[in-house]
Amino acid sequence: MLPAFTSLRHFSTTTMRRAVSEFRMTVPWGEMRGQVWGPSNGRPVLCLHGWADNSGTFSTLIPLLPKGHGLSSHRPDGCLYTFPLYVADVRRVVEALQWKQFSIIGHSMGGNVAGIFSALYPEMVDAVVLLDTYGFLPTQMTDMFKNMRKGIDDQIHYDNKTDERKERVYTYEKAKERLKAANPFLSDQSADILLERAVREVEGGFVFTRDFRINLKNIVNNNIEQCLHMLSLVKARVMLLLAKDGLFKMFTLPNGYGDRIQKSWTDQKATILNIEGDHHIHLNKPESVASIITDFLQSHSPDETENESNKNQSSKL
C-alpha cells in the first residue's frame, strides 16, 4: 500500500433511515472526502458525481438501492484539473479501500471518468451505470489544441491573481440561487441536499467549498477515434440511462458523435434506455431509476468469494 493511502477515517451518522459514514482519505495535497453507505461486506459500488456537484447528488438514490467536488481538498496551486487526474483519484480510492473488483455508477462528468477508468482498468470493473452521459466526451480535433492553450493561459492568469482570490460570502438563499442558476435542473429540495456539502458557514454567511479552477478549460481532451477505442477496451456490463429532458436535449455533440458512441455501446451489448426526466433525475426523482439500476446490478452479482474478498462498503465521491 502506498504511503498516501495509509490514512482512512470514517465518521458515522444516520440519514434517511440508512447508516452513512463520512469517508476521508489522505492524499499528497490534502484529503479526499466522500460518503460510505451500507454494510462492510456488501457489494462494492463506487458512485462518481458530476461537474460542480458533490457526493450529496446520490443522497436520495442510495437509500432506495439494496443494502449491500464537495469537501475534498483543492488541488495544489498551479495544478490543472484534468480527466486523467480524476481517474487517478478513483485509482487512489479503490487502492485505499482494497477493492479488487467493483461496480460504478457515474453521473454526467462522473460517468465520463467511469468510462475512462473502465477502459484503463477493465479487470477491476464488473458493471457500469451511466446517468445521462455517454461515458466519453469527444472533442473535435480542431478544438483540442485551442482548448489546451486556453486552459494553460487561464490557469496562469488565475495563478497570478492571488491577491484577488477572496471568497465571496453569500446568504444561504443567495447561494442557493447561484447553485440553481448554474444547475437549472435542480429542484429546491435537491439544491438543499447539494448545499450541505457545497457551502460552509463563515462569519456573515456562506462560501462555496468547490475549487474555482474546475471552471477553467480542461486541457486534456480526446477526439472521437480515441473515445471509440477506449470504449472498445471496456469489459464491464454497461447501462446508459439517458434523460429525455437531460443534458443532450440542451447540448448536442457535433458531427453525429453521440450517435457513433451509442452505436459502439450497442455493438458492445450495452443497455441503452431513454427515460422520462431531466439531467438530475437520480437526485430529483430517484424512485424512477432506482429499480432499473437495482435490476441491472443484481442481474450479474459477483459471487460470494468476490464479495468476501472485497469486504468494503459502497462509496460515493
Protein backbone atom coordinates (compact mmCIF):
# COMPACT_ATOMS: atom_id res chain seq x y z
CA MET A 1 0.00 0.00 0.00
CA LEU A 2 1.41 3.39 -0.95
CA PRO A 3 2.05 5.93 1.82
CA ALA A 4 -0.63 8.29 0.52
CA PHE A 5 -3.25 5.60 1.14
CA THR A 6 -2.49 4.91 4.78
CA SER A 7 -4.96 7.30 6.41
CA LEU A 8 -8.62 6.31 6.14
CA ARG A 9 -11.17 7.76 8.53
CA HIS A 10 -14.89 7.10 8.84
CA PHE A 11 -17.37 9.17 10.86
CA SER A 12 -20.77 7.54 11.22
CA THR A 13 -24.19 9.15 11.30
CA THR A 14 -27.67 8.24 10.19
CA THR A 15 -29.57 9.84 7.34
CA MET A 16 -32.80 8.90 5.59
CA ARG A 17 -33.03 5.79 7.84
CA ARG A 18 -29.81 4.37 6.46
CA ALA A 19 -26.38 4.35 8.06
CA VAL A 20 -23.86 6.59 6.33
CA SER A 21 -20.31 7.38 7.31
CA GLU A 22 -18.02 10.17 6.22
CA PHE A 23 -15.04 8.96 4.20
CA ARG A 24 -11.75 10.84 4.47
CA MET A 25 -8.58 9.71 2.76
CA THR A 26 -5.18 11.36 2.98
CA VAL A 27 -3.62 12.28 -0.38
CA PRO A 28 -0.40 14.18 -1.15
CA TRP A 29 -2.24 17.53 -1.44
CA GLY A 30 -4.63 17.12 1.50
CA GLU A 31 -7.58 14.75 1.66
CA MET A 32 -10.36 13.35 -0.48
CA ARG A 33 -13.82 13.24 1.00
CA GLY A 34 -16.92 11.20 0.31
CA GLN A 35 -19.65 9.16 1.95
CA VAL A 36 -19.97 5.44 2.60
CA TRP A 37 -23.28 3.60 2.73
CA GLY A 38 -24.24 0.06 3.61
CA PRO A 39 -22.66 -2.93 5.36
CA SER A 40 -18.94 -3.60 5.25
CA ASN A 41 -19.44 -6.91 3.43
CA GLY A 42 -21.79 -5.58 0.76
CA ARG A 43 -21.19 -5.45 -2.96
CA PRO A 44 -18.78 -2.56 -3.61
CA VAL A 45 -20.25 0.20 -5.79
CA LEU A 46 -18.43 3.48 -6.39
CA CYS A 47 -20.63 6.49 -7.22
CA LEU A 48 -19.00 9.38 -9.07
CA HIS A 49 -20.74 12.75 -9.14
CA GLY A 50 -20.92 15.22 -11.99
CA TRP A 51 -19.14 18.51 -12.63
CA ALA A 52 -19.58 21.08 -9.84
CA ASP A 53 -21.75 18.63 -7.85
CA ASN A 54 -20.71 16.67 -4.77
CA SER A 55 -21.41 13.26 -3.26
CA GLY A 56 -24.73 14.58 -1.98
CA THR A 57 -26.07 14.09 -5.50
CA PHE A 58 -26.62 10.41 -4.64
CA SER A 59 -28.22 11.01 -1.23
CA THR A 60 -31.78 10.36 -2.39
CA LEU A 61 -30.91 7.45 -4.70
CA ILE A 62 -28.66 5.33 -2.47
CA PRO A 63 -31.31 4.67 0.22
CA LEU A 64 -33.56 3.18 -2.49
CA LEU A 65 -30.94 0.68 -3.66
CA PRO A 66 -30.50 -2.70 -1.97
CA LYS A 67 -28.35 -2.66 1.16
CA GLY A 68 -25.20 -4.06 0.24
CA HIS A 69 -16.04 18.05 -5.68
CA GLY A 70 -17.52 18.96 -2.45
CA LEU A 71 -15.43 18.71 0.72
CA SER A 72 -12.26 17.24 -0.81
CA SER A 73 -9.09 19.30 -0.64
CA HIS A 74 -8.40 21.54 -3.59
CA ARG A 75 -5.52 20.70 -5.91
CA PRO A 76 -2.20 22.40 -5.14
CA ASP A 77 -1.54 25.84 -6.61
CA GLY A 78 -0.51 25.63 -10.23
CA CYS A 79 -2.22 22.28 -10.76
CA LEU A 80 -4.80 21.85 -13.53
CA TYR A 81 -7.96 19.75 -13.22
CA THR A 82 -7.99 17.11 -15.96
CA PHE A 83 -9.75 13.81 -16.64
CA PRO A 84 -6.57 11.73 -16.14
CA LEU A 85 -6.22 13.21 -12.65
CA TYR A 86 -9.85 12.39 -11.85
CA VAL A 87 -9.20 8.82 -12.98
CA ALA A 88 -6.09 8.74 -10.78
CA ASP A 89 -8.26 9.87 -7.86
CA VAL A 90 -10.52 6.86 -8.41
CA ARG A 91 -7.48 4.58 -8.52
CA ARG A 92 -6.25 6.03 -5.21
CA VAL A 93 -9.62 5.46 -3.55
CA VAL A 94 -10.08 1.84 -4.63
CA GLU A 95 -6.47 1.09 -3.69
CA ALA A 96 -7.09 2.53 -0.24
CA LEU A 97 -10.32 0.54 0.12
CA GLN A 98 -8.53 -2.58 -1.17
CA TRP A 99 -11.25 -3.24 -3.72
CA LYS A 100 -10.20 -5.79 -6.32
CA GLN A 101 -13.39 -5.58 -8.37
CA PHE A 102 -16.37 -3.25 -8.10
CA SER A 103 -19.21 -1.54 -9.95
CA ILE A 104 -19.51 2.16 -10.82
CA ILE A 105 -22.49 4.49 -11.02
CA GLY A 106 -21.42 7.72 -12.70
CA HIS A 107 -23.47 10.84 -13.32
CA SER A 108 -22.54 13.33 -16.05
CA MET A 109 -18.80 14.08 -15.74
CA GLY A 110 -18.54 11.26 -13.20
CA GLY A 111 -19.78 8.93 -15.93
CA ASN A 112 -17.01 10.11 -18.23
CA VAL A 113 -14.47 9.38 -15.51
CA ALA A 114 -16.10 5.96 -15.10
CA GLY A 115 -15.76 5.29 -18.83
CA ILE A 116 -12.06 6.12 -18.92
CA PHE A 117 -11.32 4.21 -15.72
CA SER A 118 -13.17 1.14 -17.02
CA ALA A 119 -11.12 1.28 -20.21
CA LEU A 120 -7.79 1.62 -18.41
CA TYR A 121 -8.59 -0.94 -15.68
CA PRO A 122 -11.09 -3.32 -17.33
CA GLU A 123 -10.29 -6.16 -14.93
CA MET A 124 -11.39 -4.08 -11.94
CA VAL A 125 -14.88 -3.05 -13.08
CA ASP A 126 -17.72 -5.56 -13.45
CA ALA A 127 -20.63 -3.20 -14.16
CA VAL A 128 -21.13 0.47 -15.04
CA VAL A 129 -24.27 2.60 -14.87
CA LEU A 130 -24.01 5.87 -16.80
CA LEU A 131 -26.55 8.50 -15.72
CA ASP A 132 -27.28 11.00 -18.53
CA THR A 133 -23.83 10.63 -20.04
CA TYR A 134 -22.28 8.61 -22.86
CA GLY A 135 -19.25 7.68 -20.76
CA PHE A 136 -16.94 9.57 -23.09
CA LEU A 137 -16.94 13.20 -24.26
CA PRO A 138 -15.23 13.60 -27.64
CA THR A 139 -13.78 16.90 -28.80
CA GLN A 140 -13.27 17.94 -32.40
CA MET A 141 -9.63 17.73 -33.44
CA THR A 142 -9.67 21.42 -34.42
CA ASP A 143 -10.67 22.37 -30.87
CA MET A 144 -8.33 20.12 -28.91
CA PHE A 145 -5.27 22.34 -29.05
CA LYS A 146 -7.28 25.56 -28.77
CA ASN A 147 -8.67 24.17 -25.53
CA MET A 148 -5.19 23.24 -24.35
CA ARG A 149 -3.85 26.74 -24.98
CA LYS A 150 -6.84 28.42 -23.33
CA GLY A 151 -6.67 26.14 -20.31
CA ILE A 152 -2.98 26.86 -19.78
CA ASP A 153 -3.46 30.62 -20.20
CA ASP A 154 -6.47 30.63 -17.87
CA GLN A 155 -4.52 28.73 -15.22
CA ILE A 156 -1.56 31.12 -15.39
CA HIS A 157 -3.93 34.10 -15.23
CA TYR A 158 -5.59 32.58 -12.17
CA ASP A 159 -2.23 31.86 -10.50
CA ASN A 160 -1.18 35.49 -10.99
CA LYS A 161 -4.30 36.87 -9.27
CA THR A 162 -3.54 35.56 -5.78
CA ASP A 163 -4.44 38.86 -4.09
CA GLU A 164 -7.85 38.94 -5.78
CA ARG A 165 -8.98 35.43 -4.82
CA LYS A 166 -11.25 36.43 -1.98
CA GLU A 167 -14.06 34.06 -1.11
CA ARG A 168 -17.38 35.69 -1.78
CA VAL A 169 -19.81 35.43 1.13
CA TYR A 170 -23.48 34.72 0.38
CA THR A 171 -26.63 34.39 2.38
CA TYR A 172 -27.95 30.84 2.21
CA GLU A 173 -30.74 31.85 -0.17
CA LYS A 174 -28.32 33.70 -2.48
CA ALA A 175 -26.00 30.68 -2.51
CA LYS A 176 -28.98 28.52 -3.40
CA GLU A 177 -29.99 30.90 -6.18
CA ARG A 178 -26.47 30.76 -7.62
CA LEU A 179 -26.38 26.96 -7.46
CA LYS A 180 -29.74 26.66 -9.21
CA ALA A 181 -28.75 29.21 -11.85
CA ALA A 182 -25.78 27.01 -12.77
CA ASN A 183 -27.89 23.83 -12.50
CA PRO A 184 -31.37 24.65 -13.84
CA PHE A 185 -32.49 21.02 -13.47
CA LEU A 186 -32.31 21.09 -9.67
CA SER A 187 -35.45 21.13 -7.54
CA ASP A 188 -35.45 23.18 -4.33
CA GLN A 189 -35.02 20.04 -2.25
CA SER A 190 -32.16 18.79 -4.43
CA ALA A 191 -30.40 22.15 -4.18
CA ASP A 192 -30.64 21.99 -0.38
CA ILE A 193 -29.13 18.49 -0.43
CA LEU A 194 -26.16 19.57 -2.56
CA LEU A 195 -25.61 22.69 -0.46
CA GLU A 196 -24.98 20.53 2.60
CA ARG A 197 -21.55 19.85 1.13
CA ALA A 198 -21.29 22.68 -1.42
CA VAL A 199 -21.04 25.51 1.12
CA ARG A 200 -19.54 26.09 4.55
CA GLU A 201 -20.66 28.65 7.06
CA VAL A 202 -18.39 31.59 7.84
CA GLU A 203 -18.87 34.88 9.62
CA GLY A 204 -21.60 36.74 7.78
CA GLY A 205 -22.91 33.90 5.66
CA PHE A 206 -21.72 31.02 3.49
CA VAL A 207 -18.91 30.40 0.99
CA PHE A 208 -18.74 27.70 -1.67
CA THR A 209 -16.37 24.82 -0.95
CA ARG A 210 -15.56 23.87 -4.54
CA ASP A 211 -12.39 24.99 -6.25
CA PHE A 212 -13.00 27.78 -8.76
CA ARG A 213 -10.44 26.16 -11.07
CA ILE A 214 -12.91 23.44 -12.05
CA ASN A 215 -14.42 26.17 -14.26
CA LEU A 216 -11.20 26.51 -16.26
CA LYS A 217 -10.88 24.79 -19.62
CA ASN A 218 -9.89 21.13 -19.39
CA ILE A 219 -6.63 20.87 -21.31
CA VAL A 220 -6.73 17.09 -21.84
CA ASN A 221 -9.33 16.15 -24.46
CA ASN A 222 -9.90 13.09 -26.63
CA ASN A 223 -11.12 13.02 -30.21
CA ILE A 224 -13.86 10.67 -31.36
CA GLU A 225 -11.48 7.94 -32.53
CA GLN A 226 -9.70 7.90 -29.18
CA CYS A 227 -13.05 7.75 -27.37
CA LEU A 228 -14.27 4.86 -29.51
CA HIS A 229 -11.02 2.99 -28.97
CA MET A 230 -11.27 3.41 -25.20
CA LEU A 231 -14.89 2.29 -25.33
CA SER A 232 -13.81 -0.91 -27.08
CA LEU A 233 -11.50 -1.69 -24.14
CA VAL A 234 -14.32 -1.72 -21.59
CA LYS A 235 -15.14 -5.28 -20.49
CA ALA A 236 -17.79 -4.45 -17.89
CA ARG A 237 -21.52 -4.74 -18.41
CA VAL A 238 -22.76 -1.22 -19.16
CA MET A 239 -26.13 0.51 -18.93
CA LEU A 240 -26.81 4.05 -20.14
CA LEU A 241 -29.80 5.88 -18.68
CA LEU A 242 -30.34 8.93 -20.89
CA ALA A 243 -32.86 11.51 -19.68
CA LYS A 244 -35.27 12.73 -22.35
CA ASP A 245 -35.09 16.28 -20.96
CA GLY A 246 -31.50 15.97 -19.86
CA LEU A 247 -28.08 17.14 -20.94
CA PHE A 248 -28.27 16.03 -24.55
CA LYS A 249 -31.50 17.90 -25.15
CA MET A 250 -29.64 21.11 -24.31
CA PHE A 251 -26.23 20.11 -25.65
CA THR A 252 -25.75 18.15 -28.86
CA LEU A 253 -22.38 16.63 -29.67
CA PRO A 254 -21.09 17.74 -33.10
CA ASN A 255 -20.69 15.61 -36.21
CA GLY A 256 -23.01 12.86 -35.04
CA TYR A 257 -20.57 11.88 -32.28
CA GLY A 258 -23.40 10.96 -29.92
CA ASP A 259 -24.90 8.52 -32.43
CA ARG A 260 -21.50 6.95 -33.07
CA ILE A 261 -20.85 6.41 -29.38
CA GLN A 262 -24.31 4.93 -28.83
CA LYS A 263 -23.81 2.57 -31.77
CA SER A 264 -20.48 1.45 -30.35
CA TRP A 265 -22.09 0.79 -26.99
CA THR A 266 -24.82 -1.18 -28.73
CA ASP A 267 -22.16 -3.22 -30.53
CA GLN A 268 -20.64 -3.87 -27.09
CA LYS A 269 -24.03 -5.25 -25.95
CA ALA A 270 -24.63 -2.32 -23.60
CA THR A 271 -28.16 -1.49 -22.46
CA ILE A 272 -29.38 1.97 -23.51
CA LEU A 273 -32.60 3.32 -22.03
CA ASN A 274 -34.20 6.70 -22.71
CA ILE A 275 -36.17 7.67 -19.63
CA GLU A 276 -38.51 10.49 -18.66
CA GLY A 277 -36.76 13.10 -16.57
CA ASP A 278 -34.01 15.71 -16.51
CA HIS A 279 -30.26 15.77 -16.01
CA HIS A 280 -30.54 15.30 -12.23
CA ILE A 281 -33.29 12.68 -12.35
CA HIS A 282 -31.37 10.42 -9.94
CA LEU A 283 -31.49 13.21 -7.34
CA ASN A 284 -34.83 14.85 -8.15
CA LYS A 285 -36.84 11.65 -8.70
CA PRO A 286 -34.69 8.72 -7.56
CA GLU A 287 -37.62 6.31 -7.46
CA SER A 288 -37.85 6.49 -11.26
CA VAL A 289 -34.39 4.98 -11.74
CA ALA A 290 -33.72 3.01 -8.54
CA SER A 291 -35.45 -0.20 -9.63
CA ILE A 292 -33.83 -0.06 -13.08
CA ILE A 293 -30.37 0.28 -11.55
CA THR A 294 -31.10 -2.40 -8.96
CA ASP A 295 -32.26 -4.92 -11.57
CA PHE A 296 -29.21 -4.22 -13.72
CA LEU A 297 -26.68 -4.60 -10.91
CA GLN A 298 -28.38 -7.67 -9.46
CA SER A 299 -28.64 -9.39 -12.84
CA HIS A 300 -24.94 -10.17 -12.59
CA SER A 301 -23.88 -10.06 -8.96
CA PRO A 302 -20.32 -11.06 -8.10
CA ASP A 303 -20.11 -14.46 -6.42
CA GLU A 304 -19.71 -14.79 -2.69
CA THR A 305 -15.96 -15.25 -2.84
CA GLU A 306 -15.55 -11.93 -4.61
CA ASN A 307 -17.80 -10.25 -2.06
CA GLU A 308 -15.80 -11.71 0.80
CA SER A 309 -12.52 -10.61 -0.74
CA ASN A 310 -13.70 -7.01 -1.11
CA LYS A 311 -15.18 -6.66 2.41
CA ASN A 312 -15.95 -2.98 1.96
CA GLN A 313 -18.84 -0.60 1.72
CA SER A 314 -20.31 1.22 -1.22
CA SER A 315 -18.76 4.66 -1.53
CA LYS A 316 -19.80 7.83 -3.26
CA LEU A 317 -17.38 10.62 -4.11
